[in-house]
Amino acid sequence: MSRVSFNRKRAKLKQLLGIRARLALLAVILVAPLMLERARSLEDARAKQIAAAAAEFSSLAKHSADTEREVISSVETVLKSAAYIRASVGGIGKSCDMLRASLPTNLPWIRNILIVGGDGRVQCSTSNTAVGADMSDRAYYKKARETRDFVFSDFLLGRQSHVPMVMAAYPVAALNSENDAMVLASVNLDWMSKVMSNLGRRPGVSAVLVDSNGTVVAAPSNPAQLVGKSLDEVPLLSAIAEPALTSNEDEGSLSFTAADGSKRAISFARIAGTGARLIVSNDEDQATAAIDRDIRTAYLQLGFVSLFVLLGALIAAEKLIVQPIQILAGTAKRFGHGDWSARATRDHLPSEFVPLARAFNAMAAKLSQRERELLATNDRLTVIASIDMLSGLANRRGFQSRLDFEWMKAQQYGCELSLLMIDVDHFKLYNDTYGHREGDACLTKLGETLAAIATETMGFAGRYGGEEFCLLLPNATADRAREVGELVRASVQDLELPHRTSLHQCVTVSVGVACTTPSDSQDPGELIEAADAALYAAKHRGRNTVVEHGFGRPSGGNGIAIAS
């Protein structure tokens, strides 16, 4: 009974001496000695100026750090999506086609995406010059293979292009332990400098993004002069190079006197998931220069009292505020790094922090569940968005995206572009005779056949809709397109899929061929219309045949004529 009474008194005492009472007591200790009106008014004015400058400074730095995190997060998401495609599809040819079909066009900071085999050589790439390159000696490649996790490299110079960049890597083994492939992406450092542009326009503020070795990888002002330099070579930041790079904290701040004699405040923040740090420097003298002269005189009189008060405030703040916040921040950091089981303990927290701990724990439980659901949903949507599940080829959306890309590329380099439209002959009769299940099986086999031909001919195959397929042939002449069209027709007939309502007693296809050199006067839709017209002509010529679209070539350019 006595112990119960003791615990109740202890709880009441803890509530009485909560954080509000402790802060009130601390305010009395701070205010009581500062009775001189001039010193107090100057201190208040200075505090307001510093607070306003610090708030703006902190907001700018946080916004830039968050933006850099979003850029890296978007790269990680793209690599995970590509790794999922590589792990789920299996064959390198098909996965490469799917990678090219699903390559996002709204992420200009990604220069190139590569799939690297277990031997360290590039199997396919959105830039053909990288195919066959050996990546096995790259440090980031080794680290990603060891950790089986996303890795963001330090500053690099491309071995072939000599362009400054950083590389990101994600192992397919993280999704499928039996697959030793690796997905890589090169990141455009110019874009990483652009997202920091809000810091470059502020007078007295300088900022850089450095890797784990202290090399500048992005800067909002003069990136051409700063990117690739060591932090020791940047005049305004060289004094804090070692503390900022060797600190074990994810975030921190310090002050120092620059070479030009100005007092500067430094804030640095680690970019989550990488060894990079955003370092921002601000000239404190610009915010407090006017009032500092008056404060020096007042503080000469109050020096001893101020020292005593500051010492007491530091000790009280450490025990009453900083330590509880550090406990909660540490728990939040663990949760942010992926430890979904992290929960805030309430044993050593003041009573005012207990509701916050409870709210955090409830939020953590909900976020853990939602994160798992979101990851599963995103994986499904990535596949559904551009892949036809029945044939395994790109769907119409994925094909249209690839056609637009190849059209622009062919127009840029003056190359020819060919398109084959392929339709299964009498497919409605096939469904009526054998049933829709056999019809789906037939389309699946045709998809496999077209995928193999696309890999062999460096083309891109897709299901255009229903029983209609398409095969895009970049840099292929009309003669070459006809040869591939005949190869498609013969390969399908050689499958010998029974079709007793057909004249040939097996499944056959009709192929329409169109070829052109893209120009400003044309658009990709005209190439599709030409191939459709040729396919229509093939149907009227008895099916199981290949017909090429007729081209008119007026003076001064290329054109697509209407098929006769």
Protein backbone atom coordinates (compact mmCIF):
# COMPACT_ATOMS: atom_id res chain seq x y z
CA MET A 1 0.00 0.00 0.00
CA SER A 2 2.83 2.38 0.85
CA ARG A 3 4.46 1.67 -2.50
CA VAL A 4 1.25 2.50 -4.37
CA SER A 5 1.00 5.78 -2.47
CA PHE A 6 4.66 6.53 -3.24
CA ASN A 7 4.11 5.90 -6.97
CA ARG A 8 1.08 8.21 -7.01
CA LYS A 9 3.04 11.00 -5.34
CA ARG A 10 5.89 10.43 -7.78
CA ALA A 11 3.51 10.69 -10.75
CA LYS A 12 1.99 13.90 -9.39
CA LEU A 13 5.44 15.36 -8.80
CA LYS A 14 6.55 14.47 -12.32
CA GLN A 15 3.41 16.12 -13.71
CA LEU A 16 3.98 19.21 -11.57
CA LEU A 17 7.59 19.49 -12.73
CA GLY A 18 6.72 18.92 -16.39
CA ILE A 19 8.36 20.67 -19.30
CA ARG A 20 6.12 23.75 -19.00
CA ALA A 21 7.08 24.32 -15.38
CA ARG A 22 10.74 23.71 -16.13
CA LEU A 23 10.74 26.15 -19.06
CA ALA A 24 8.95 28.74 -16.90
CA LEU A 25 11.63 28.35 -14.25
CA LEU A 26 14.34 28.64 -16.90
CA ALA A 27 12.72 31.84 -18.25
CA VAL A 28 12.82 33.33 -14.74
CA ILE A 29 16.52 32.46 -14.41
CA LEU A 30 17.25 34.06 -17.80
CA VAL A 31 15.15 37.21 -17.36
CA ALA A 32 15.83 38.06 -13.71
CA PRO A 33 19.52 39.11 -14.09
CA LEU A 34 18.84 41.12 -17.25
CA MET A 35 17.16 44.10 -15.60
CA LEU A 36 18.87 46.78 -17.60
CA GLU A 37 16.38 48.06 -20.16
CA ARG A 38 18.94 48.95 -22.79
CA ALA A 39 20.59 45.52 -22.76
CA ARG A 40 17.23 43.73 -22.79
CA SER A 41 15.83 45.77 -25.69
CA LEU A 42 19.00 45.30 -27.74
CA GLU A 43 19.00 41.57 -27.06
CA ASP A 44 15.36 41.26 -28.12
CA ALA A 45 16.02 43.16 -31.34
CA ARG A 46 19.06 41.05 -32.12
CA ALA A 47 17.20 37.81 -31.37
CA LYS A 48 14.42 38.79 -33.78
CA GLN A 49 16.90 39.56 -36.53
CA ILE A 50 18.79 36.32 -36.01
CA ALA A 51 15.57 34.30 -35.80
CA ALA A 52 14.25 35.81 -39.04
CA ALA A 53 17.54 35.21 -40.87
CA ALA A 54 17.89 31.70 -39.45
CA ALA A 55 14.30 30.79 -40.37
CA GLU A 56 14.76 31.91 -43.97
CA PHE A 57 18.21 30.31 -44.15
CA SER A 58 16.94 27.00 -42.71
CA SER A 59 13.92 26.98 -45.02
CA LEU A 60 16.08 27.47 -48.11
CA ALA A 61 18.55 24.75 -47.09
CA LYS A 62 15.77 22.28 -46.20
CA HIS A 63 13.95 22.90 -49.46
CA SER A 64 17.11 22.29 -51.50
CA ALA A 65 18.00 19.15 -49.52
CA ASP A 66 14.46 17.81 -49.96
CA THR A 67 14.60 18.51 -53.68
CA GLU A 68 17.92 16.65 -54.02
CA ARG A 69 16.39 13.76 -52.07
CA GLU A 70 13.45 13.71 -54.48
CA VAL A 71 15.78 13.58 -57.49
CA ILE A 72 17.69 10.64 -55.99
CA SER A 73 14.43 8.99 -54.91
CA SER A 74 13.08 9.26 -58.46
CA VAL A 75 16.29 7.62 -59.78
CA GLU A 76 15.92 4.84 -57.21
CA THR A 77 12.26 4.31 -58.19
CA VAL A 78 13.16 4.04 -61.89
CA LEU A 79 15.96 1.54 -61.13
CA LYS A 80 13.67 -0.58 -58.96
CA SER A 81 11.03 -0.60 -61.70
CA ALA A 82 13.64 -1.64 -64.27
CA ALA A 83 14.96 -4.32 -61.88
CA TYR A 84 11.42 -5.62 -61.38
CA ILE A 85 10.99 -5.88 -65.14
CA ARG A 86 14.34 -7.69 -65.48
CA ALA A 87 13.50 -10.07 -62.61
CA SER A 88 9.98 -10.85 -63.77
CA VAL A 89 10.52 -11.11 -67.54
CA GLY A 90 13.65 -13.28 -67.54
CA GLY A 91 15.04 -13.05 -71.09
CA ILE A 92 17.48 -10.22 -71.74
CA GLY A 93 16.01 -9.38 -75.14
CA LYS A 94 12.47 -9.05 -73.89
CA SER A 95 13.50 -7.19 -70.73
CA CYS A 96 15.58 -4.75 -72.78
CA ASP A 97 12.64 -4.05 -75.07
CA MET A 98 10.40 -3.53 -72.07
CA LEU A 99 13.02 -1.26 -70.46
CA ARG A 100 13.17 0.92 -73.57
CA ALA A 101 9.36 0.97 -73.80
CA SER A 102 8.89 2.04 -70.20
CA LEU A 103 11.79 4.54 -69.99
CA PRO A 104 10.31 7.72 -68.44
CA THR A 105 10.71 10.86 -70.54
CA ASN A 106 9.95 13.30 -67.71
CA LEU A 107 13.17 12.67 -65.75
CA PRO A 108 15.83 14.67 -67.64
CA TRP A 109 18.39 14.15 -64.88
CA ILE A 110 18.76 10.49 -65.95
CA ARG A 111 21.29 10.36 -68.81
CA ASN A 112 21.25 6.63 -69.45
CA ILE A 113 19.89 3.36 -68.03
CA LEU A 114 21.86 0.12 -68.38
CA ILE A 115 21.32 -3.54 -67.54
CA VAL A 116 24.57 -5.29 -66.55
CA GLY A 117 24.95 -9.06 -66.50
CA GLY A 118 26.58 -11.17 -63.82
CA ASP A 119 29.95 -10.91 -65.61
CA GLY A 120 29.87 -7.13 -65.19
CA ARG A 121 29.32 -6.32 -68.87
CA VAL A 122 26.52 -4.11 -70.15
CA GLN A 123 23.88 -6.27 -71.84
CA CYS A 124 21.63 -3.47 -73.00
CA SER A 125 21.40 0.27 -72.63
CA THR A 126 19.25 3.20 -73.66
CA SER A 127 22.51 4.45 -75.24
CA ASN A 128 23.91 1.86 -77.65
CA THR A 129 27.51 3.05 -77.18
CA ALA A 130 27.56 1.58 -73.66
CA VAL A 131 26.66 -1.99 -74.70
CA GLY A 132 29.49 -4.40 -73.94
CA ALA A 133 31.32 -2.08 -71.52
CA ASP A 134 32.83 -3.77 -68.43
CA MET A 135 31.47 -2.38 -65.15
CA SER A 136 32.82 -5.05 -62.82
CA ASP A 137 35.69 -2.88 -61.49
CA ARG A 138 33.43 0.05 -60.46
CA ALA A 139 33.29 0.61 -56.73
CA TYR A 140 29.56 1.34 -56.72
CA TYR A 141 28.93 -1.86 -58.73
CA LYS A 142 30.82 -3.93 -56.15
CA LYS A 143 29.08 -2.24 -53.23
CA ALA A 144 25.60 -2.76 -54.72
CA ARG A 145 26.40 -6.44 -55.32
CA GLU A 146 27.63 -6.86 -51.73
CA THR A 147 24.80 -4.98 -50.01
CA ARG A 148 22.01 -5.97 -52.42
CA ASP A 149 20.62 -2.49 -52.03
CA PHE A 150 20.45 0.86 -53.83
CA VAL A 151 23.88 2.55 -54.11
CA PHE A 152 24.62 6.14 -55.16
CA SER A 153 28.25 6.68 -56.25
CA ASP A 154 30.70 9.51 -55.64
CA PHE A 155 31.76 11.96 -58.36
CA LEU A 156 32.88 10.26 -61.58
CA LEU A 157 34.15 11.16 -65.03
CA GLY A 158 32.74 9.01 -67.84
CA ARG A 159 35.50 6.80 -69.26
CA GLN A 160 34.31 7.28 -72.82
CA SER A 161 32.50 10.62 -72.70
CA HIS A 162 34.63 12.28 -69.97
CA VAL A 163 31.41 13.94 -68.77
CA PRO A 164 31.05 14.59 -64.98
CA MET A 165 28.38 12.36 -63.49
CA VAL A 166 27.36 10.14 -60.61
CA MET A 167 26.08 6.62 -61.00
CA ALA A 168 23.21 4.82 -59.26
CA ALA A 169 23.00 1.02 -59.03
CA TYR A 170 20.32 -1.42 -57.92
CA PRO A 171 20.80 -5.24 -58.02
CA VAL A 172 18.07 -7.42 -59.47
CA ALA A 173 19.06 -9.91 -56.74
CA ALA A 174 17.26 -7.67 -54.25
CA LEU A 175 14.02 -8.82 -55.92
CA ASN A 176 15.09 -12.25 -57.22
CA SER A 177 18.05 -13.89 -55.48
CA GLU A 178 18.65 -16.17 -58.47
CA ASN A 179 19.21 -13.27 -60.86
CA ASP A 180 22.66 -11.67 -60.70
CA ALA A 181 21.97 -8.81 -63.10
CA MET A 182 22.38 -5.15 -62.10
CA VAL A 183 20.50 -2.02 -63.22
CA LEU A 184 22.56 1.18 -63.48
CA ALA A 185 21.71 4.80 -64.26
CA SER A 186 23.96 7.78 -64.92
CA VAL A 187 22.75 11.04 -63.32
CA ASN A 188 23.15 14.43 -64.98
CA LEU A 189 24.98 16.72 -62.54
CA ASP A 190 23.70 19.84 -64.34
CA TRP A 191 20.20 19.03 -63.11
CA MET A 192 21.40 18.52 -59.56
CA SER A 193 22.86 22.03 -59.73
CA LYS A 194 19.62 23.44 -61.15
CA VAL A 195 17.50 22.19 -58.25
CA MET A 196 19.72 24.25 -55.91
CA SER A 197 19.14 27.45 -57.90
CA ASN A 198 17.07 29.01 -55.09
CA LEU A 199 20.26 29.20 -52.99
CA GLY A 200 22.39 30.73 -55.73
CA ARG A 201 20.27 33.88 -55.93
CA ARG A 202 20.69 34.81 -52.24
CA PRO A 203 23.36 37.41 -51.36
CA GLY A 204 25.81 36.14 -48.79
CA VAL A 205 24.71 32.51 -49.27
CA SER A 206 26.88 29.86 -50.90
CA ALA A 207 25.99 26.19 -51.27
CA VAL A 208 27.49 23.00 -52.66
CA LEU A 209 26.57 19.33 -52.81
CA VAL A 210 29.62 17.12 -52.09
CA ASP A 211 30.15 13.37 -52.20
CA SER A 212 31.65 11.26 -49.41
CA ASN A 213 35.19 12.17 -50.56
CA GLY A 214 34.50 15.90 -50.38
CA THR A 215 34.29 16.43 -54.16
CA VAL A 216 31.74 19.00 -55.35
CA VAL A 217 29.07 17.34 -57.51
CA ALA A 218 26.59 20.25 -57.75
CA ALA A 219 26.54 23.99 -57.10
CA PRO A 220 23.83 26.62 -57.79
CA SER A 221 26.31 29.25 -59.03
CA ASN A 222 29.30 28.68 -61.35
CA PRO A 223 28.82 24.88 -61.51
CA ALA A 224 31.29 24.65 -64.41
CA GLN A 225 34.05 26.04 -62.15
CA LEU A 226 33.13 24.20 -58.94
CA VAL A 227 31.91 20.73 -60.00
CA GLY A 228 34.73 18.22 -59.69
CA LYS A 229 36.78 20.33 -57.24
CA SER A 230 37.65 19.26 -53.72
CA LEU A 231 35.88 21.10 -50.90
CA ASP A 232 39.31 22.24 -49.69
CA GLU A 233 39.63 24.33 -52.87
CA VAL A 234 36.40 26.32 -52.27
CA PRO A 235 37.50 29.48 -50.40
CA LEU A 236 34.33 30.09 -48.38
CA LEU A 237 33.92 26.45 -47.35
CA SER A 238 37.45 25.07 -47.05
CA ALA A 239 37.60 25.88 -43.32
CA ILE A 240 34.78 23.45 -42.50
CA ALA A 241 35.62 20.68 -45.00
CA GLU A 242 36.88 18.21 -42.40
CA PRO A 243 34.15 18.75 -39.71
CA ALA A 244 31.34 18.54 -42.27
CA LEU A 245 32.68 15.38 -43.92
CA THR A 246 33.76 13.49 -40.81
CA SER A 247 30.64 14.18 -38.74
CA ASN A 248 28.54 11.12 -37.96
CA GLU A 249 25.39 13.23 -37.73
CA ASP A 250 22.91 13.38 -40.60
CA GLU A 251 22.43 17.08 -39.97
CA GLY A 252 24.51 19.69 -38.22
CA SER A 253 25.60 23.28 -38.09
CA LEU A 254 28.67 25.26 -37.04
CA SER A 255 30.15 28.71 -37.39
CA PHE A 256 33.57 29.89 -38.49
CA THR A 257 35.45 32.93 -39.73
CA ALA A 258 36.14 32.88 -43.45
CA ALA A 259 39.39 33.98 -45.10
CA ASP A 260 37.87 37.38 -45.85
CA GLY A 261 37.12 37.90 -42.14
CA SER A 262 33.35 37.45 -42.39
CA LYS A 263 31.50 35.32 -39.86
CA ARG A 264 29.59 32.52 -41.52
CA ALA A 265 27.09 29.93 -40.33
CA ILE A 266 27.25 26.50 -41.91
CA SER A 267 24.45 23.95 -42.10
CA PHE A 268 25.04 20.52 -43.59
CA ALA A 269 22.62 17.68 -44.22
CA ARG A 270 23.23 14.16 -45.46
CA ILE A 271 21.15 13.15 -48.50
CA ALA A 272 19.29 10.05 -47.38
CA GLY A 273 20.51 6.80 -48.93
CA THR A 274 23.83 8.30 -50.14
CA GLY A 275 27.14 9.56 -48.79
CA ALA A 276 26.49 13.01 -50.24
CA ARG A 277 26.01 16.11 -48.09
CA LEU A 278 24.41 19.46 -48.86
CA ILE A 279 26.51 22.25 -47.29
CA VAL A 280 25.09 25.78 -47.10
CA SER A 281 26.99 28.82 -45.80
CA ASN A 282 25.45 32.13 -44.71
CA ASP A 283 27.16 35.40 -43.80
CA GLU A 284 25.93 36.16 -40.26
CA ASP A 285 27.43 39.65 -40.34
CA GLN A 286 24.87 40.78 -42.92
CA ALA A 287 21.99 39.96 -40.55
CA THR A 288 23.41 41.41 -37.31
CA ALA A 289 26.09 43.94 -38.31
CA ALA A 290 24.13 47.05 -37.33
CA ILE A 291 23.04 45.94 -33.89
CA ASP A 292 26.19 44.04 -32.92
CA ARG A 293 28.08 47.27 -32.28
CA ASP A 294 25.55 48.37 -29.64
CA ILE A 295 25.33 44.93 -28.09
CA ARG A 296 29.08 44.77 -27.48
CA THR A 297 28.85 47.76 -25.13
CA ALA A 298 25.90 46.30 -23.24
CA TYR A 299 27.51 42.91 -22.88
CA LEU A 300 30.65 44.36 -21.37
CA GLN A 301 28.48 45.33 -18.39
CA LEU A 302 26.54 42.08 -18.27
CA GLY A 303 29.34 39.69 -19.22
CA PHE A 304 29.60 37.80 -15.95
CA VAL A 305 25.83 37.49 -15.47
CA SER A 306 25.33 36.42 -19.07
CA LEU A 307 27.98 33.74 -18.75
CA PHE A 308 26.29 32.35 -15.65
CA VAL A 309 22.83 32.41 -17.29
CA LEU A 310 24.05 30.79 -20.51
CA LEU A 311 25.77 28.04 -18.57
CA GLY A 312 22.60 27.33 -16.62
CA ALA A 313 20.48 27.49 -19.76
CA LEU A 314 22.72 25.04 -21.61
CA ILE A 315 22.60 22.51 -18.79
CA ALA A 316 18.85 22.89 -18.33
CA ALA A 317 18.15 22.70 -22.07
CA GLU A 318 20.30 19.60 -22.44
CA LYS A 319 18.50 17.75 -19.66
CA LEU A 320 14.96 19.04 -20.14
CA ILE A 321 14.58 19.54 -23.89
CA VAL A 322 17.46 18.21 -25.99
CA GLN A 323 17.66 14.70 -24.57
CA PRO A 324 13.89 13.96 -24.93
CA ILE A 325 13.94 15.36 -28.46
CA GLN A 326 17.01 13.27 -29.31
CA ILE A 327 15.20 10.14 -28.12
CA LEU A 328 12.24 10.88 -30.39
CA ALA A 329 14.49 11.98 -33.25
CA GLY A 330 16.55 8.78 -33.00
CA THR A 331 13.39 6.70 -33.17
CA ALA A 332 12.14 8.71 -36.14
CA LYS A 333 15.52 8.29 -37.86
CA ARG A 334 15.39 4.51 -37.45
CA PHE A 335 11.87 4.52 -38.85
CA GLY A 336 12.97 6.73 -41.75
CA HIS A 337 15.81 4.33 -42.59
CA GLY A 338 13.36 1.48 -43.01
CA ASP A 339 13.12 -0.02 -39.52
CA TRP A 340 9.32 -0.32 -39.50
CA SER A 341 9.39 -1.85 -36.00
CA ALA A 342 10.89 1.31 -34.45
CA ARG A 343 8.67 2.72 -31.68
CA ALA A 344 9.17 5.55 -29.17
CA THR A 345 9.61 4.43 -25.53
CA ARG A 346 7.89 6.57 -22.86
CA ASP A 347 9.88 5.60 -19.76
CA HIS A 348 12.41 8.45 -19.86
CA LEU A 349 10.26 11.17 -21.42
CA PRO A 350 8.66 14.15 -19.59
CA SER A 351 4.90 13.86 -19.32
CA GLU A 352 4.34 16.50 -22.02
CA PHE A 353 6.23 14.34 -24.56
CA VAL A 354 4.19 11.20 -23.86
CA PRO A 355 1.22 12.18 -26.11
CA LEU A 356 3.71 12.91 -28.90
CA ALA A 357 5.31 9.48 -28.46
CA ARG A 358 1.89 7.82 -28.56
CA ALA A 359 0.92 9.74 -31.69
CA PHE A 360 4.22 8.81 -33.34
CA ASN A 361 3.76 5.11 -32.54
CA ALA A 362 0.22 5.15 -33.95
CA MET A 363 1.42 6.94 -37.07
CA ALA A 364 4.36 4.53 -37.49
CA ALA A 365 2.03 1.53 -37.35
CA LYS A 366 -0.25 3.00 -40.03
CA LEU A 367 2.62 4.13 -42.26
CA SER A 368 4.23 0.69 -42.11
CA GLN A 369 1.05 -0.92 -43.39
CA ARG A 370 0.50 1.73 -46.06
CA GLU A 371 4.12 1.49 -47.23
CA ARG A 372 3.78 -2.23 -47.83
CA GLU A 373 0.51 -1.71 -49.70
CA LEU A 374 1.95 1.15 -51.76
CA LEU A 375 5.03 -0.83 -52.83
CA ALA A 376 2.86 -3.72 -53.98
CA THR A 377 0.52 -1.38 -55.87
CA ASN A 378 3.37 0.51 -57.55
CA ASP A 379 4.95 -2.72 -58.74
CA ARG A 380 1.68 -3.81 -60.32
CA LEU A 381 1.05 -0.43 -61.94
CA THR A 382 4.56 -0.29 -63.43
CA VAL A 383 3.94 -3.53 -65.29
CA ILE A 384 0.33 -2.79 -66.27
CA ALA A 385 1.17 0.66 -67.63
CA SER A 386 3.23 -0.48 -70.61
CA ILE A 387 3.03 -4.29 -70.96
CA ASP A 388 0.34 -6.42 -72.59
CA MET A 389 -0.09 -9.30 -70.15
CA LEU A 390 -1.44 -11.77 -72.73
CA SER A 391 1.32 -11.56 -75.35
CA GLY A 392 4.15 -10.32 -73.13
CA LEU A 393 4.85 -7.50 -75.62
CA ALA A 394 4.47 -3.76 -75.19
CA ASN A 395 0.86 -2.61 -75.25
CA ARG A 396 -0.42 0.17 -77.50
CA ARG A 397 0.64 2.84 -75.03
CA GLY A 398 4.16 1.44 -74.78
CA PHE A 399 4.41 1.08 -78.57
CA GLN A 400 3.27 4.67 -79.17
CA SER A 401 5.85 5.98 -76.71
CA ARG A 402 8.61 4.01 -78.49
CA LEU A 403 7.40 5.12 -81.94
CA ASP A 404 7.55 8.79 -80.89
CA PHE A 405 11.10 8.26 -79.56
CA GLU A 406 12.37 6.44 -82.67
CA TRP A 407 10.65 8.99 -84.95
CA MET A 408 12.45 11.87 -83.23
CA LYS A 409 15.75 9.96 -83.33
CA ALA A 410 15.41 9.09 -87.02
CA GLN A 411 14.48 12.69 -87.84
CA GLN A 412 17.53 13.95 -85.96
CA TYR A 413 20.00 11.66 -87.73
CA GLY A 414 18.23 11.44 -91.12
CA CYS A 415 17.68 7.67 -90.87
CA GLU A 416 14.90 5.58 -92.33
CA LEU A 417 12.18 4.12 -90.12
CA SER A 418 10.07 1.09 -91.05
CA LEU A 419 6.86 -0.26 -89.54
CA LEU A 420 5.15 -3.63 -89.96
CA MET A 421 1.46 -3.99 -89.13
CA ILE A 422 0.58 -7.67 -88.64
CA ASP A 423 -2.94 -9.09 -88.44
CA VAL A 424 -4.01 -12.70 -87.79
CA ASP A 425 -6.05 -13.99 -90.73
CA HIS A 426 -9.64 -15.05 -89.97
CA PHE A 427 -9.08 -14.73 -86.24
CA LYS A 428 -12.81 -14.32 -85.51
CA LEU A 429 -13.45 -17.67 -87.20
CA TYR A 430 -10.60 -19.13 -85.14
CA ASN A 431 -12.27 -17.96 -81.91
CA ASP A 432 -15.65 -19.23 -83.07
CA THR A 433 -14.15 -22.62 -83.94
CA TYR A 434 -11.75 -23.26 -81.06
CA GLY A 435 -12.99 -20.92 -78.33
CA HIS A 436 -11.56 -17.80 -76.74
CA ARG A 437 -9.16 -19.75 -74.50
CA GLU A 438 -7.42 -21.26 -77.52
CA GLY A 439 -7.57 -17.81 -79.18
CA ASP A 440 -5.66 -16.32 -76.23
CA ALA A 441 -3.12 -19.17 -76.39
CA CYS A 442 -2.64 -18.48 -80.10
CA LEU A 443 -1.97 -14.77 -79.44
CA THR A 444 0.51 -15.68 -76.71
CA LYS A 445 2.49 -17.91 -79.11
CA LEU A 446 2.47 -15.20 -81.76
CA GLY A 447 3.75 -12.74 -79.16
CA GLU A 448 6.65 -15.05 -78.30
CA THR A 449 7.48 -15.44 -81.99
CA LEU A 450 7.44 -11.69 -82.61
CA ALA A 451 9.55 -11.03 -79.52
CA ALA A 452 12.22 -13.42 -80.83
CA ILE A 453 12.18 -11.79 -84.28
CA ALA A 454 12.37 -8.30 -82.72
CA THR A 455 15.45 -9.33 -80.74
CA GLU A 456 17.07 -10.82 -83.84
CA THR A 457 16.36 -7.76 -86.02
CA MET A 458 17.02 -5.07 -83.40
CA GLY A 459 13.34 -4.09 -83.66
CA PHE A 460 10.56 -3.37 -81.20
CA ALA A 461 7.41 -5.50 -81.13
CA GLY A 462 4.04 -4.67 -79.59
CA ARG A 463 0.41 -5.70 -79.55
CA TYR A 464 -1.53 -2.93 -81.24
CA GLY A 465 -4.95 -4.25 -80.28
CA GLY A 466 -7.05 -7.41 -80.59
CA GLU A 467 -5.36 -9.74 -83.08
CA GLU A 468 -3.23 -6.94 -84.57
CA PHE A 469 0.50 -6.68 -83.81
CA CYS A 470 3.21 -4.27 -84.89
CA LEU A 471 6.97 -4.40 -85.38
CA LEU A 472 9.03 -1.19 -85.48
CA LEU A 473 12.38 -1.38 -87.32
CA PRO A 474 14.69 1.60 -86.71
CA ASN A 475 17.26 2.40 -89.41
CA ALA A 476 15.80 -0.24 -91.76
CA THR A 477 15.32 0.26 -95.50
CA ALA A 478 12.17 -0.73 -97.37
CA ASP A 479 13.93 -3.84 -98.76
CA ARG A 480 15.02 -4.89 -95.29
CA ALA A 481 11.50 -4.28 -93.95
CA ARG A 482 10.02 -6.52 -96.66
CA GLU A 483 12.51 -9.26 -95.76
CA VAL A 484 11.55 -9.03 -92.08
CA GLY A 485 7.86 -9.02 -93.04
CA GLU A 486 8.36 -12.24 -95.01
CA LEU A 487 10.27 -13.68 -92.04
CA VAL A 488 7.29 -12.89 -89.78
CA ARG A 489 4.80 -14.42 -92.21
CA ALA A 490 6.87 -17.60 -92.68
CA SER A 491 7.64 -17.98 -88.96
CA VAL A 492 3.95 -17.82 -88.04
CA GLN A 493 3.02 -20.33 -90.73
CA ASP A 494 5.84 -22.63 -89.57
CA LEU A 495 4.22 -22.73 -86.12
CA GLU A 496 1.54 -24.90 -87.77
CA LEU A 497 -1.18 -23.86 -85.37
CA PRO A 498 -4.31 -25.72 -86.61
CA HIS A 499 -7.01 -23.52 -88.22
CA ARG A 500 -9.40 -25.72 -90.19
CA THR A 501 -11.56 -22.80 -91.35
CA SER A 502 -8.53 -21.26 -93.10
CA LEU A 503 -7.52 -22.03 -96.69
CA HIS A 504 -4.04 -22.98 -95.43
CA GLN A 505 -5.40 -25.18 -92.60
CA CYS A 506 -3.14 -23.36 -90.12
CA VAL A 507 -2.87 -19.92 -88.55
CA THR A 508 -1.40 -17.32 -90.92
CA VAL A 509 -0.86 -13.59 -90.82
CA SER A 510 -1.04 -10.72 -93.28
CA VAL A 511 1.69 -8.10 -93.11
CA GLY A 512 1.61 -4.45 -94.19
CA VAL A 513 4.99 -2.72 -94.60
CA ALA A 514 5.69 1.02 -94.63
CA CYS A 515 9.01 2.86 -94.64
CA THR A 516 9.93 6.53 -94.64
CA THR A 517 12.58 9.05 -93.64
CA PRO A 518 10.85 11.29 -91.05
CA SER A 519 10.72 15.00 -91.76
CA ASP A 520 9.09 18.10 -90.28
CA SER A 521 6.17 17.78 -92.68
CA GLN A 522 5.20 14.33 -91.34
CA ASP A 523 4.13 12.86 -88.04
CA PRO A 524 4.26 9.27 -86.67
CA GLY A 525 0.54 8.83 -87.29
CA GLU A 526 1.13 8.94 -91.05
CA LEU A 527 3.52 5.99 -90.83
CA ILE A 528 0.88 3.99 -88.94
CA GLU A 529 -1.76 4.90 -91.53
CA ALA A 530 0.56 3.84 -94.36
CA ALA A 531 1.28 0.47 -92.75
CA ASP A 532 -2.46 -0.01 -92.08
CA ALA A 533 -3.20 0.74 -95.74
CA ALA A 534 -0.62 -1.84 -96.82
CA LEU A 535 -2.13 -4.37 -94.39
CA TYR A 536 -5.58 -3.70 -95.87
CA ALA A 537 -4.16 -4.36 -99.34
CA ALA A 538 -2.59 -7.62 -98.12
CA LYS A 539 -5.99 -8.76 -96.84
CA HIS A 540 -7.56 -8.07 -100.23
CA ARG A 541 -4.81 -9.99 -102.03
CA GLY A 542 -5.82 -13.23 -100.35
CA ARG A 543 -4.12 -12.96 -96.93
CA ASN A 544 -0.96 -14.80 -95.79
CA THR A 545 1.05 -12.29 -97.78
CA VAL A 546 3.32 -9.26 -97.35
CA VAL A 547 2.44 -5.97 -99.09
CA GLU A 548 4.57 -2.84 -99.08
CA HIS A 549 2.96 0.61 -99.03
CA GLY A 550 3.61 2.76 -102.12
CA PHE A 551 5.65 5.94 -101.53
CA GLY A 552 5.56 9.21 -103.39
CA ARG A 553 8.69 11.34 -103.24
CA PRO A 554 7.93 14.95 -104.22
CA SER A 555 10.85 17.28 -104.89
CA GLY A 556 12.45 18.77 -101.82
CA GLY A 557 11.56 16.04 -99.31
CA ASN A 558 10.13 12.62 -98.53
CA GLY A 559 6.47 11.82 -98.25
CA ILE A 560 4.01 9.00 -97.65
CA ALA A 561 1.51 8.34 -100.40
CA ILE A 562 -1.87 6.63 -100.13
CA ALA A 563 -1.75 2.91 -100.87
CA SER A 564 -3.54 1.80 -103.98
